[in-house]
Amino acid sequence: MEKLTSKQILDAHLDDWRKLAQALHARFITGDFVTGLTFVTAVTEAAEQANHHPDVTLTYPLVDVKLISHDVSQVTQRDIDLARRISEIAREQGIGAEPNACTELELALDTADLAAVGPFWAALLTGSPASVRGDDVADPSGRVPLLWFQHTDEHETPRQRFHIDLWVPHDVAEQRIAAAVAAGGRVLDDENAPSFVVLIDPDGNKACVCTCLDR
């Protein structure tokens, strides 16, 4: 299946869904566990019919759904089609969505020697050094955030080596940045906005607010 660009995904007008790092994400507000289970059961039936299966998290007041075509590690038309069907199911059951609540956290680690540090972090986070895939430590079960390695020259500590990448919906980024600045941070670098903006806290620690735009 052909990978879709961020523009193609936005042009599909999936009001309940937002693309974050790689996948489509949606949050449906069910209000109670039984309603959530009924919704997930219907989503399961639709996924079986489509032969395409989302990642689903069922909790007491809500259901989070993630869609990605794992064979290409990106969003394809099959994800768009199933997202539309899941939204239809939600409307049929009187369940609303909260797309602006979708977020995804990634960790980034500066290193000049991926071969040395990669297996350590893979073993620590997932239990297996074989979980290093390219520049990432990916946990197939989703227990921990993705860790990716940013290639750098050798440098001394105490330069910050870790930073977080917080993926938010493209229409939430400005609000989230403003909230962080109002809480004592400042914008360090917005040259690559709206793709990402680098923030810094009062102690000098950095974080990136990332969106799917201009990628």
N, C-alpha and C. Protein backbone atom coordinates (compact mmCIF):
# COMPACT_ATOMS: atom_id res chain seq x y z
N MET A 1 0.84 -1.20 0.00
CA MET A 1 0.00 0.00 0.00
C MET A 1 0.88 1.25 0.00
N GLU A 2 0.41 2.29 -0.69
CA GLU A 2 1.16 3.54 -0.78
C GLU A 2 1.05 4.32 0.52
N LYS A 3 2.19 4.84 1.00
CA LYS A 3 2.18 5.70 2.17
C LYS A 3 1.52 7.03 1.81
N LEU A 4 0.72 7.54 2.71
CA LEU A 4 0.06 8.82 2.49
C LEU A 4 0.85 9.95 3.14
N THR A 5 0.88 11.10 2.49
CA THR A 5 1.53 12.26 3.08
C THR A 5 0.63 12.87 4.15
N SER A 6 1.21 13.73 4.96
CA SER A 6 0.40 14.41 5.97
C SER A 6 -0.71 15.23 5.32
N LYS A 7 -0.41 15.86 4.18
CA LYS A 7 -1.44 16.65 3.49
C LYS A 7 -2.58 15.76 3.02
N GLN A 8 -2.26 14.59 2.47
CA GLN A 8 -3.31 13.68 2.03
C GLN A 8 -4.18 13.24 3.20
N ILE A 9 -3.55 13.02 4.34
CA ILE A 9 -4.30 12.61 5.53
C ILE A 9 -5.20 13.75 6.00
N LEU A 10 -4.68 14.96 6.05
CA LEU A 10 -5.50 16.10 6.47
C LEU A 10 -6.64 16.34 5.48
N ASP A 11 -6.37 16.14 4.20
CA ASP A 11 -7.40 16.35 3.18
C ASP A 11 -8.52 15.31 3.26
N ALA A 12 -8.29 14.23 3.99
CA ALA A 12 -9.34 13.21 4.17
C ALA A 12 -10.39 13.67 5.17
N HIS A 13 -10.12 14.74 5.91
CA HIS A 13 -11.09 15.34 6.84
C HIS A 13 -11.63 14.32 7.85
N LEU A 14 -10.71 13.68 8.52
CA LEU A 14 -11.07 12.75 9.59
C LEU A 14 -11.17 13.53 10.89
N ASP A 15 -12.34 14.08 11.16
CA ASP A 15 -12.49 15.04 12.26
C ASP A 15 -12.15 14.43 13.62
N ASP A 16 -12.36 13.14 13.78
CA ASP A 16 -12.12 12.50 15.08
C ASP A 16 -10.66 12.11 15.28
N TRP A 17 -9.85 12.20 14.23
CA TRP A 17 -8.51 11.60 14.25
C TRP A 17 -7.44 12.66 14.04
N ARG A 18 -6.26 12.37 14.60
CA ARG A 18 -5.10 13.22 14.39
C ARG A 18 -3.88 12.33 14.11
N LYS A 19 -3.07 12.75 13.12
CA LYS A 19 -1.81 12.05 12.88
C LYS A 19 -0.76 12.64 13.80
N LEU A 20 -0.03 11.77 14.49
CA LEU A 20 1.06 12.20 15.34
C LEU A 20 2.37 11.76 14.70
N ALA A 21 3.21 11.00 15.38
CA ALA A 21 4.53 10.67 14.82
C ALA A 21 4.41 9.86 13.54
N GLN A 22 3.69 8.76 13.59
CA GLN A 22 3.56 7.91 12.41
C GLN A 22 2.12 7.50 12.16
N ALA A 23 1.35 7.34 13.22
CA ALA A 23 0.03 6.73 13.12
C ALA A 23 -1.10 7.74 13.26
N LEU A 24 -2.32 7.28 12.98
CA LEU A 24 -3.53 8.02 13.29
C LEU A 24 -3.96 7.67 14.71
N HIS A 25 -4.40 8.68 15.46
CA HIS A 25 -4.83 8.47 16.84
C HIS A 25 -6.21 9.09 17.03
N ALA A 26 -7.02 8.44 17.86
CA ALA A 26 -8.33 8.99 18.22
C ALA A 26 -8.63 8.62 19.67
N ARG A 27 -9.36 9.49 20.33
CA ARG A 27 -9.85 9.22 21.69
C ARG A 27 -11.36 9.37 21.68
N PHE A 28 -12.06 8.31 22.10
CA PHE A 28 -13.51 8.31 22.15
C PHE A 28 -13.95 8.28 23.62
N ILE A 29 -14.83 9.20 23.98
CA ILE A 29 -15.26 9.36 25.36
C ILE A 29 -16.51 8.51 25.58
N THR A 30 -16.34 7.37 26.22
CA THR A 30 -17.43 6.42 26.42
C THR A 30 -18.14 6.62 27.75
N GLY A 31 -17.45 7.15 28.74
CA GLY A 31 -18.10 7.48 30.01
C GLY A 31 -18.14 6.37 31.02
N ASP A 32 -18.17 5.14 30.56
CA ASP A 32 -18.18 4.00 31.49
C ASP A 32 -17.61 2.78 30.78
N PHE A 33 -17.28 1.77 31.57
CA PHE A 33 -16.57 0.61 31.03
C PHE A 33 -17.44 -0.23 30.11
N VAL A 34 -18.70 -0.42 30.46
CA VAL A 34 -19.58 -1.26 29.64
C VAL A 34 -19.79 -0.64 28.26
N THR A 35 -20.03 0.69 28.21
CA THR A 35 -20.18 1.36 26.92
C THR A 35 -18.90 1.23 26.10
N GLY A 36 -17.77 1.36 26.78
CA GLY A 36 -16.50 1.21 26.09
C GLY A 36 -16.31 -0.18 25.52
N LEU A 37 -16.69 -1.19 26.29
CA LEU A 37 -16.54 -2.56 25.82
C LEU A 37 -17.46 -2.84 24.63
N THR A 38 -18.67 -2.30 24.67
CA THR A 38 -19.59 -2.46 23.54
C THR A 38 -19.00 -1.82 22.28
N PHE A 39 -18.43 -0.64 22.46
CA PHE A 39 -17.80 0.06 21.33
C PHE A 39 -16.63 -0.73 20.79
N VAL A 40 -15.76 -1.22 21.66
CA VAL A 40 -14.59 -1.98 21.22
C VAL A 40 -15.02 -3.26 20.50
N THR A 41 -16.08 -3.90 20.98
CA THR A 41 -16.57 -5.11 20.31
C THR A 41 -16.99 -4.81 18.87
N ALA A 42 -17.68 -3.69 18.68
CA ALA A 42 -18.10 -3.32 17.32
C ALA A 42 -16.89 -2.95 16.46
N VAL A 43 -15.90 -2.28 17.05
CA VAL A 43 -14.67 -1.95 16.32
C VAL A 43 -13.95 -3.23 15.91
N THR A 44 -13.93 -4.22 16.81
CA THR A 44 -13.29 -5.50 16.50
C THR A 44 -13.95 -6.17 15.30
N GLU A 45 -15.26 -6.14 15.26
CA GLU A 45 -15.99 -6.75 14.13
C GLU A 45 -15.66 -6.03 12.82
N ALA A 46 -15.59 -4.70 12.88
CA ALA A 46 -15.26 -3.93 11.68
C ALA A 46 -13.83 -4.21 11.24
N ALA A 47 -12.92 -4.35 12.21
CA ALA A 47 -11.52 -4.63 11.88
C ALA A 47 -11.39 -6.01 11.24
N GLU A 48 -12.12 -6.97 11.74
CA GLU A 48 -12.08 -8.32 11.15
C GLU A 48 -12.59 -8.29 9.71
N GLN A 49 -13.65 -7.53 9.47
CA GLN A 49 -14.19 -7.44 8.12
C GLN A 49 -13.19 -6.78 7.17
N ALA A 50 -12.44 -5.82 7.69
CA ALA A 50 -11.47 -5.10 6.86
C ALA A 50 -10.13 -5.82 6.80
N ASN A 51 -9.96 -6.84 7.63
CA ASN A 51 -8.67 -7.54 7.76
C ASN A 51 -7.55 -6.54 8.04
N HIS A 52 -7.84 -5.60 8.93
CA HIS A 52 -6.87 -4.57 9.31
C HIS A 52 -7.18 -4.17 10.74
N HIS A 53 -6.22 -4.28 11.63
CA HIS A 53 -6.52 -4.25 13.05
C HIS A 53 -5.81 -3.09 13.76
N PRO A 54 -6.57 -2.27 14.49
CA PRO A 54 -5.99 -1.15 15.23
C PRO A 54 -5.45 -1.60 16.58
N ASP A 55 -4.66 -0.72 17.19
CA ASP A 55 -4.30 -0.88 18.60
C ASP A 55 -5.36 -0.15 19.41
N VAL A 56 -5.92 -0.83 20.41
CA VAL A 56 -7.03 -0.28 21.18
C VAL A 56 -6.70 -0.34 22.66
N THR A 57 -6.94 0.77 23.37
CA THR A 57 -6.78 0.82 24.82
C THR A 57 -8.12 1.17 25.44
N LEU A 58 -8.66 0.25 26.23
CA LEU A 58 -9.95 0.43 26.88
C LEU A 58 -9.73 0.75 28.35
N THR A 59 -10.22 1.92 28.79
CA THR A 59 -10.20 2.27 30.20
C THR A 59 -11.61 2.66 30.62
N TYR A 60 -11.76 2.97 31.90
CA TYR A 60 -13.12 3.23 32.42
C TYR A 60 -13.87 4.31 31.66
N PRO A 61 -13.27 5.50 31.42
CA PRO A 61 -14.08 6.55 30.79
C PRO A 61 -13.86 6.74 29.30
N LEU A 62 -12.89 6.02 28.71
CA LEU A 62 -12.57 6.34 27.32
C LEU A 62 -11.91 5.16 26.62
N VAL A 63 -11.84 5.27 25.29
CA VAL A 63 -11.16 4.29 24.45
C VAL A 63 -10.21 5.04 23.53
N ASP A 64 -8.93 4.69 23.57
CA ASP A 64 -7.93 5.23 22.64
C ASP A 64 -7.70 4.23 21.52
N VAL A 65 -7.64 4.74 20.29
CA VAL A 65 -7.46 3.89 19.12
C VAL A 65 -6.30 4.44 18.29
N LYS A 66 -5.44 3.53 17.84
CA LYS A 66 -4.29 3.89 17.00
C LYS A 66 -4.33 3.04 15.74
N LEU A 67 -4.15 3.70 14.59
CA LEU A 67 -4.18 3.01 13.30
C LEU A 67 -2.90 3.29 12.53
N ILE A 68 -2.26 2.22 12.07
CA ILE A 68 -1.08 2.33 11.22
C ILE A 68 -0.96 1.05 10.40
N SER A 69 -0.44 1.16 9.19
CA SER A 69 -0.18 -0.02 8.37
C SER A 69 1.23 -0.51 8.70
N HIS A 70 1.30 -1.59 9.46
CA HIS A 70 2.59 -2.03 10.00
C HIS A 70 3.55 -2.50 8.91
N ASP A 71 3.02 -2.91 7.75
CA ASP A 71 3.92 -3.39 6.69
C ASP A 71 4.77 -2.27 6.11
N VAL A 72 4.29 -1.02 6.21
CA VAL A 72 5.07 0.12 5.72
C VAL A 72 5.37 1.12 6.83
N SER A 73 4.90 0.85 8.04
CA SER A 73 5.14 1.71 9.21
C SER A 73 4.66 3.14 8.98
N GLN A 74 3.59 3.30 8.24
CA GLN A 74 3.02 4.62 7.98
C GLN A 74 1.52 4.45 7.76
N VAL A 75 0.85 5.57 7.58
CA VAL A 75 -0.59 5.57 7.31
C VAL A 75 -0.82 5.34 5.82
N THR A 76 -1.77 4.45 5.51
CA THR A 76 -2.17 4.18 4.13
C THR A 76 -3.68 4.33 4.02
N GLN A 77 -4.18 4.11 2.81
CA GLN A 77 -5.62 4.26 2.59
C GLN A 77 -6.42 3.29 3.45
N ARG A 78 -5.88 2.13 3.74
CA ARG A 78 -6.64 1.19 4.57
C ARG A 78 -6.88 1.77 5.98
N ASP A 79 -5.94 2.57 6.46
CA ASP A 79 -6.13 3.21 7.76
C ASP A 79 -7.21 4.30 7.68
N ILE A 80 -7.20 5.06 6.60
CA ILE A 80 -8.23 6.08 6.40
C ILE A 80 -9.61 5.45 6.38
N ASP A 81 -9.74 4.36 5.64
CA ASP A 81 -11.03 3.70 5.49
C ASP A 81 -11.53 3.15 6.84
N LEU A 82 -10.63 2.52 7.59
CA LEU A 82 -11.05 1.96 8.87
C LEU A 82 -11.33 3.08 9.89
N ALA A 83 -10.57 4.16 9.83
CA ALA A 83 -10.83 5.29 10.73
C ALA A 83 -12.24 5.83 10.50
N ARG A 84 -12.63 5.96 9.23
CA ARG A 84 -13.98 6.44 8.93
C ARG A 84 -15.04 5.49 9.50
N ARG A 85 -14.79 4.20 9.34
CA ARG A 85 -15.77 3.23 9.83
C ARG A 85 -15.87 3.27 11.36
N ILE A 86 -14.73 3.42 12.04
CA ILE A 86 -14.75 3.48 13.50
C ILE A 86 -15.50 4.73 13.96
N SER A 87 -15.31 5.84 13.28
CA SER A 87 -16.05 7.06 13.63
C SER A 87 -17.55 6.87 13.41
N GLU A 88 -17.91 6.15 12.34
CA GLU A 88 -19.33 5.86 12.11
C GLU A 88 -19.91 5.05 13.26
N ILE A 89 -19.16 4.06 13.72
CA ILE A 89 -19.62 3.23 14.84
C ILE A 89 -19.82 4.09 16.08
N ALA A 90 -18.88 5.00 16.34
CA ALA A 90 -19.01 5.88 17.50
C ALA A 90 -20.27 6.73 17.40
N ARG A 91 -20.54 7.28 16.22
CA ARG A 91 -21.75 8.10 16.07
C ARG A 91 -23.00 7.25 16.25
N GLU A 92 -23.00 6.04 15.70
CA GLU A 92 -24.15 5.15 15.85
C GLU A 92 -24.44 4.83 17.31
N GLN A 93 -23.39 4.80 18.13
CA GLN A 93 -23.56 4.46 19.55
C GLN A 93 -23.62 5.70 20.44
N GLY A 94 -23.66 6.89 19.83
CA GLY A 94 -23.78 8.11 20.60
C GLY A 94 -22.52 8.46 21.38
N ILE A 95 -21.36 8.08 20.87
CA ILE A 95 -20.09 8.31 21.55
C ILE A 95 -19.34 9.45 20.86
N GLY A 96 -18.89 10.41 21.63
CA GLY A 96 -18.16 11.54 21.08
C GLY A 96 -16.66 11.31 21.10
N ALA A 97 -15.95 12.12 20.32
CA ALA A 97 -14.49 12.03 20.25
C ALA A 97 -13.86 13.28 20.84
N GLU A 98 -12.62 13.15 21.28
CA GLU A 98 -11.85 14.27 21.81
C GLU A 98 -10.48 14.27 21.15
N PRO A 99 -10.42 14.70 19.88
CA PRO A 99 -9.16 14.60 19.12
C PRO A 99 -8.03 15.44 19.69
N ASN A 100 -8.34 16.57 20.33
CA ASN A 100 -7.28 17.43 20.84
C ASN A 100 -6.57 16.83 22.05
N ALA A 101 -7.10 15.75 22.59
CA ALA A 101 -6.45 15.09 23.74
C ALA A 101 -5.39 14.09 23.30
N CYS A 102 -5.27 13.83 22.02
CA CYS A 102 -4.30 12.83 21.53
C CYS A 102 -2.88 13.37 21.70
N THR A 103 -2.01 12.58 22.31
CA THR A 103 -0.60 12.92 22.43
C THR A 103 0.23 11.64 22.31
N GLU A 104 1.49 11.81 21.99
CA GLU A 104 2.42 10.69 21.90
C GLU A 104 3.79 11.16 22.37
N LEU A 105 4.40 10.40 23.27
CA LEU A 105 5.68 10.79 23.84
C LEU A 105 6.78 9.90 23.31
N GLU A 106 7.86 10.54 22.81
CA GLU A 106 9.07 9.83 22.41
C GLU A 106 10.26 10.39 23.18
N LEU A 107 11.25 9.56 23.42
CA LEU A 107 12.48 9.98 24.06
C LEU A 107 13.60 10.01 23.03
N ALA A 108 14.46 11.01 23.11
CA ALA A 108 15.60 11.13 22.20
C ALA A 108 16.88 11.20 23.02
N LEU A 109 17.89 10.46 22.59
CA LEU A 109 19.17 10.42 23.29
C LEU A 109 20.29 10.74 22.32
N ASP A 110 21.05 11.79 22.62
CA ASP A 110 22.24 12.12 21.83
C ASP A 110 23.32 11.08 22.07
N THR A 111 23.93 10.59 21.00
CA THR A 111 25.04 9.66 21.16
C THR A 111 25.95 9.72 19.94
N ALA A 112 27.24 9.55 20.18
CA ALA A 112 28.21 9.42 19.10
C ALA A 112 28.55 7.97 18.84
N ASP A 113 27.95 7.05 19.62
CA ASP A 113 28.30 5.63 19.50
C ASP A 113 27.06 4.78 19.73
N LEU A 114 26.20 4.73 18.72
CA LEU A 114 24.96 3.96 18.82
C LEU A 114 25.23 2.49 19.10
N ALA A 115 26.27 1.94 18.48
CA ALA A 115 26.57 0.51 18.65
C ALA A 115 26.86 0.18 20.11
N ALA A 116 27.42 1.15 20.84
CA ALA A 116 27.76 0.90 22.24
C ALA A 116 26.56 1.06 23.16
N VAL A 117 25.78 2.12 22.96
CA VAL A 117 24.72 2.41 23.93
C VAL A 117 23.37 1.81 23.53
N GLY A 118 23.17 1.56 22.23
CA GLY A 118 21.87 1.05 21.78
C GLY A 118 21.44 -0.23 22.45
N PRO A 119 22.28 -1.28 22.45
CA PRO A 119 21.87 -2.54 23.08
C PRO A 119 21.54 -2.39 24.56
N PHE A 120 22.28 -1.51 25.27
CA PHE A 120 22.00 -1.30 26.69
C PHE A 120 20.58 -0.80 26.89
N TRP A 121 20.21 0.26 26.14
CA TRP A 121 18.89 0.85 26.34
C TRP A 121 17.79 -0.09 25.85
N ALA A 122 18.07 -0.85 24.80
CA ALA A 122 17.08 -1.83 24.34
C ALA A 122 16.84 -2.90 25.40
N ALA A 123 17.91 -3.41 25.98
CA ALA A 123 17.77 -4.45 27.01
C ALA A 123 17.07 -3.90 28.25
N LEU A 124 17.43 -2.65 28.64
CA LEU A 124 16.83 -2.05 29.82
C LEU A 124 15.33 -1.81 29.64
N LEU A 125 14.94 -1.26 28.48
CA LEU A 125 13.56 -0.85 28.27
C LEU A 125 12.65 -1.99 27.86
N THR A 126 13.17 -2.94 27.08
CA THR A 126 12.30 -3.98 26.52
C THR A 126 12.68 -5.39 26.97
N GLY A 127 13.87 -5.55 27.56
CA GLY A 127 14.33 -6.87 27.97
C GLY A 127 15.17 -7.59 26.94
N SER A 128 15.35 -6.98 25.77
CA SER A 128 16.11 -7.63 24.71
C SER A 128 16.97 -6.63 23.96
N PRO A 129 18.28 -6.85 23.84
CA PRO A 129 19.12 -5.94 23.05
C PRO A 129 18.78 -5.97 21.57
N ALA A 130 18.04 -6.97 21.13
CA ALA A 130 17.65 -7.06 19.72
C ALA A 130 16.56 -6.06 19.34
N SER A 131 16.05 -5.31 20.31
CA SER A 131 14.97 -4.35 20.02
C SER A 131 15.47 -3.07 19.36
N VAL A 132 16.79 -2.96 19.13
CA VAL A 132 17.32 -1.82 18.37
C VAL A 132 17.00 -2.05 16.89
N ARG A 133 16.27 -1.10 16.31
CA ARG A 133 15.91 -1.20 14.89
C ARG A 133 16.28 0.12 14.22
N GLY A 134 17.38 0.08 13.49
CA GLY A 134 17.88 1.32 12.92
C GLY A 134 18.35 2.25 14.02
N ASP A 135 17.75 3.43 14.09
CA ASP A 135 18.10 4.41 15.11
C ASP A 135 17.12 4.39 16.29
N ASP A 136 16.27 3.38 16.37
CA ASP A 136 15.22 3.35 17.39
C ASP A 136 15.32 2.13 18.28
N VAL A 137 14.82 2.30 19.51
CA VAL A 137 14.47 1.16 20.35
C VAL A 137 12.95 1.11 20.37
N ALA A 138 12.39 0.09 19.75
CA ALA A 138 10.95 -0.02 19.61
C ALA A 138 10.44 -1.23 20.39
N ASP A 139 9.47 -0.99 21.25
CA ASP A 139 8.85 -2.06 22.03
C ASP A 139 7.56 -2.48 21.32
N PRO A 140 7.52 -3.68 20.73
CA PRO A 140 6.33 -4.09 19.99
C PRO A 140 5.06 -4.09 20.82
N SER A 141 5.19 -4.28 22.13
CA SER A 141 4.01 -4.33 22.98
C SER A 141 3.56 -2.95 23.45
N GLY A 142 4.34 -1.93 23.16
CA GLY A 142 3.95 -0.58 23.52
C GLY A 142 4.00 -0.26 25.00
N ARG A 143 4.79 -1.00 25.76
CA ARG A 143 4.86 -0.75 27.20
C ARG A 143 5.59 0.54 27.53
N VAL A 144 6.58 0.90 26.72
CA VAL A 144 7.38 2.09 26.98
C VAL A 144 7.40 2.96 25.73
N PRO A 145 7.65 4.27 25.88
CA PRO A 145 7.73 5.14 24.69
C PRO A 145 8.89 4.73 23.79
N LEU A 146 8.77 5.07 22.52
CA LEU A 146 9.87 4.85 21.59
C LEU A 146 11.05 5.71 22.00
N LEU A 147 12.25 5.12 21.97
CA LEU A 147 13.49 5.85 22.20
C LEU A 147 14.25 5.89 20.88
N TRP A 148 14.63 7.10 20.45
CA TRP A 148 15.42 7.20 19.21
C TRP A 148 16.73 7.91 19.52
N PHE A 149 17.75 7.55 18.74
CA PHE A 149 19.11 8.04 18.98
C PHE A 149 19.44 9.12 17.95
N GLN A 150 19.82 10.28 18.47
CA GLN A 150 20.22 11.39 17.63
C GLN A 150 21.74 11.39 17.52
N HIS A 151 22.25 11.21 16.30
CA HIS A 151 23.69 11.10 16.09
C HIS A 151 24.37 12.45 16.31
N THR A 152 25.38 12.46 17.17
CA THR A 152 26.11 13.69 17.47
C THR A 152 27.60 13.40 17.50
N ASP A 153 28.38 14.46 17.54
CA ASP A 153 29.80 14.32 17.79
C ASP A 153 30.03 14.02 19.27
N GLU A 154 31.20 13.53 19.59
CA GLU A 154 31.55 13.34 21.00
C GLU A 154 31.44 14.68 21.74
N HIS A 155 30.84 14.63 22.92
CA HIS A 155 30.76 15.85 23.71
C HIS A 155 30.78 15.52 25.18
N GLU A 156 31.12 16.50 25.94
CA GLU A 156 31.26 16.31 27.38
C GLU A 156 29.89 16.33 28.05
N THR A 157 29.72 15.52 29.08
CA THR A 157 28.63 15.81 30.01
C THR A 157 29.10 17.03 30.80
N PRO A 158 28.31 17.95 31.25
CA PRO A 158 26.89 17.81 31.52
C PRO A 158 25.96 18.31 30.42
N ARG A 159 26.43 18.42 29.17
CA ARG A 159 25.49 18.77 28.11
C ARG A 159 24.32 17.77 28.15
N GLN A 160 23.11 18.32 27.98
CA GLN A 160 21.93 17.46 28.03
C GLN A 160 21.98 16.43 26.91
N ARG A 161 21.85 15.19 27.27
CA ARG A 161 21.85 14.12 26.27
C ARG A 161 20.44 13.63 25.96
N PHE A 162 19.57 13.62 26.95
CA PHE A 162 18.19 13.22 26.74
C PHE A 162 17.31 14.44 26.48
N HIS A 163 16.34 14.31 25.59
CA HIS A 163 15.24 15.26 25.55
C HIS A 163 13.98 14.50 25.15
N ILE A 164 12.83 15.10 25.41
CA ILE A 164 11.58 14.45 25.02
C ILE A 164 11.04 15.11 23.76
N ASP A 165 10.39 14.30 22.94
CA ASP A 165 9.61 14.78 21.81
C ASP A 165 8.15 14.53 22.14
N LEU A 166 7.39 15.58 22.28
CA LEU A 166 5.97 15.45 22.56
C LEU A 166 5.19 15.73 21.28
N TRP A 167 4.57 14.69 20.75
CA TRP A 167 3.75 14.83 19.54
C TRP A 167 2.34 15.20 19.95
N VAL A 168 1.84 16.28 19.37
CA VAL A 168 0.48 16.75 19.64
C VAL A 168 -0.23 16.98 18.32
N PRO A 169 -1.56 17.05 18.32
CA PRO A 169 -2.28 17.39 17.10
C PRO A 169 -1.81 18.74 16.55
N HIS A 170 -1.81 18.85 15.23
CA HIS A 170 -1.28 20.07 14.61
C HIS A 170 -2.04 21.31 15.05
N ASP A 171 -3.31 21.15 15.42
CA ASP A 171 -4.12 22.29 15.81
C ASP A 171 -4.09 22.54 17.32
N VAL A 172 -3.19 21.86 18.02
CA VAL A 172 -3.04 22.03 19.46
C VAL A 172 -1.66 22.61 19.81
N ALA A 173 -0.71 22.53 18.88
CA ALA A 173 0.68 22.84 19.19
C ALA A 173 0.86 24.25 19.74
N GLU A 174 0.28 25.26 19.11
CA GLU A 174 0.47 26.63 19.57
C GLU A 174 -0.05 26.81 20.99
N GLN A 175 -1.18 26.21 21.28
CA GLN A 175 -1.76 26.31 22.62
C GLN A 175 -0.85 25.64 23.65
N ARG A 176 -0.29 24.47 23.31
CA ARG A 176 0.57 23.75 24.25
C ARG A 176 1.88 24.52 24.49
N ILE A 177 2.44 25.10 23.41
CA ILE A 177 3.66 25.89 23.56
C ILE A 177 3.40 27.10 24.44
N ALA A 178 2.29 27.77 24.21
CA ALA A 178 1.96 28.95 25.00
C ALA A 178 1.80 28.60 26.47
N ALA A 179 1.19 27.44 26.74
CA ALA A 179 1.01 27.01 28.13
C ALA A 179 2.35 26.75 28.81
N ALA A 180 3.29 26.14 28.07
CA ALA A 180 4.60 25.86 28.63
C ALA A 180 5.38 27.14 28.89
N VAL A 181 5.26 28.10 27.97
CA VAL A 181 5.94 29.38 28.16
C VAL A 181 5.35 30.13 29.35
N ALA A 182 4.03 30.12 29.47
CA ALA A 182 3.37 30.79 30.59
C ALA A 182 3.75 30.16 31.93
N ALA A 183 4.14 28.88 31.88
CA ALA A 183 4.51 28.17 33.10
C ALA A 183 6.00 28.31 33.43
N GLY A 184 6.71 29.18 32.71
CA GLY A 184 8.09 29.46 33.07
C GLY A 184 9.12 29.08 32.03
N GLY A 185 8.72 28.41 30.95
CA GLY A 185 9.67 28.05 29.91
C GLY A 185 9.81 29.16 28.88
N ARG A 186 10.61 28.90 27.86
CA ARG A 186 10.71 29.84 26.75
C ARG A 186 11.00 29.06 25.47
N VAL A 187 10.70 29.69 24.35
CA VAL A 187 10.99 29.11 23.04
C VAL A 187 12.46 29.31 22.74
N LEU A 188 13.17 28.22 22.53
CA LEU A 188 14.60 28.29 22.21
C LEU A 188 14.83 28.38 20.71
N ASP A 189 14.00 27.64 19.93
CA ASP A 189 14.22 27.59 18.48
C ASP A 189 12.90 27.23 17.82
N ASP A 190 12.38 28.14 16.99
CA ASP A 190 11.15 27.85 16.24
C ASP A 190 11.40 27.90 14.73
N GLU A 191 12.66 27.75 14.33
CA GLU A 191 13.01 27.82 12.91
C GLU A 191 12.32 26.73 12.10
N ASN A 192 12.06 25.58 12.73
CA ASN A 192 11.46 24.45 12.01
C ASN A 192 9.96 24.31 12.25
N ALA A 193 9.36 25.32 12.85
CA ALA A 193 7.90 25.29 13.04
C ALA A 193 7.20 25.31 11.68
N PRO A 194 6.05 24.63 11.52
CA PRO A 194 5.29 23.93 12.54
C PRO A 194 5.69 22.46 12.74
N SER A 195 6.76 22.02 12.07
CA SER A 195 7.20 20.63 12.24
C SER A 195 7.59 20.36 13.69
N PHE A 196 8.46 21.21 14.24
CA PHE A 196 8.77 21.11 15.67
C PHE A 196 9.30 22.43 16.19
N VAL A 197 9.08 22.66 17.46
CA VAL A 197 9.56 23.85 18.16
C VAL A 197 10.30 23.38 19.40
N VAL A 198 11.49 23.92 19.62
CA VAL A 198 12.30 23.54 20.78
C VAL A 198 12.01 24.50 21.93
N LEU A 199 11.62 23.94 23.07
CA LEU A 199 11.38 24.70 24.28
C LEU A 199 12.49 24.41 25.29
N ILE A 200 12.66 25.31 26.24
CA ILE A 200 13.67 25.11 27.28
C ILE A 200 13.07 25.54 28.62
N ASP A 201 13.35 24.75 29.66
CA ASP A 201 12.80 25.07 30.97
C ASP A 201 13.78 25.96 31.74
N PRO A 202 13.41 26.47 32.92
CA PRO A 202 14.30 27.38 33.65
C PRO A 202 15.65 26.79 34.03
N ASP A 203 15.76 25.46 34.08
CA ASP A 203 17.04 24.81 34.38
C ASP A 203 17.87 24.52 33.14
N GLY A 204 17.34 24.82 31.95
CA GLY A 204 18.07 24.60 30.71
C GLY A 204 17.80 23.28 30.02
N ASN A 205 16.79 22.52 30.50
CA ASN A 205 16.44 21.25 29.86
C ASN A 205 15.52 21.51 28.67
N LYS A 206 15.75 20.78 27.59
CA LYS A 206 15.04 21.03 26.34
C LYS A 206 13.97 19.97 26.08
N ALA A 207 12.96 20.37 25.33
CA ALA A 207 11.92 19.47 24.85
C ALA A 207 11.41 20.01 23.52
N CYS A 208 10.95 19.10 22.66
CA CYS A 208 10.41 19.48 21.36
C CYS A 208 8.91 19.21 21.32
N VAL A 209 8.15 20.20 20.86
CA VAL A 209 6.73 20.00 20.56
C VAL A 209 6.63 19.75 19.07
N CYS A 210 6.18 18.55 18.70
CA CYS A 210 6.22 18.08 17.31
C CYS A 210 4.81 17.93 16.74
N THR A 211 4.68 18.18 15.44
CA THR A 211 3.43 17.93 14.72
C THR A 211 3.75 17.22 13.41
N CYS A 212 2.71 16.80 12.73
CA CYS A 212 2.88 16.09 11.45
C CYS A 212 3.09 17.04 10.28
N LEU A 213 2.98 18.34 10.48
CA LEU A 213 3.03 19.29 9.37
C LEU A 213 4.46 19.48 8.86
N ASP A 214 4.56 19.75 7.56
CA ASP A 214 5.84 20.07 6.88
C ASP A 214 6.87 18.97 7.09
N ARG A 215 6.44 17.71 6.98
CA ARG A 215 7.37 16.60 7.11
C ARG A 215 7.37 15.78 5.82
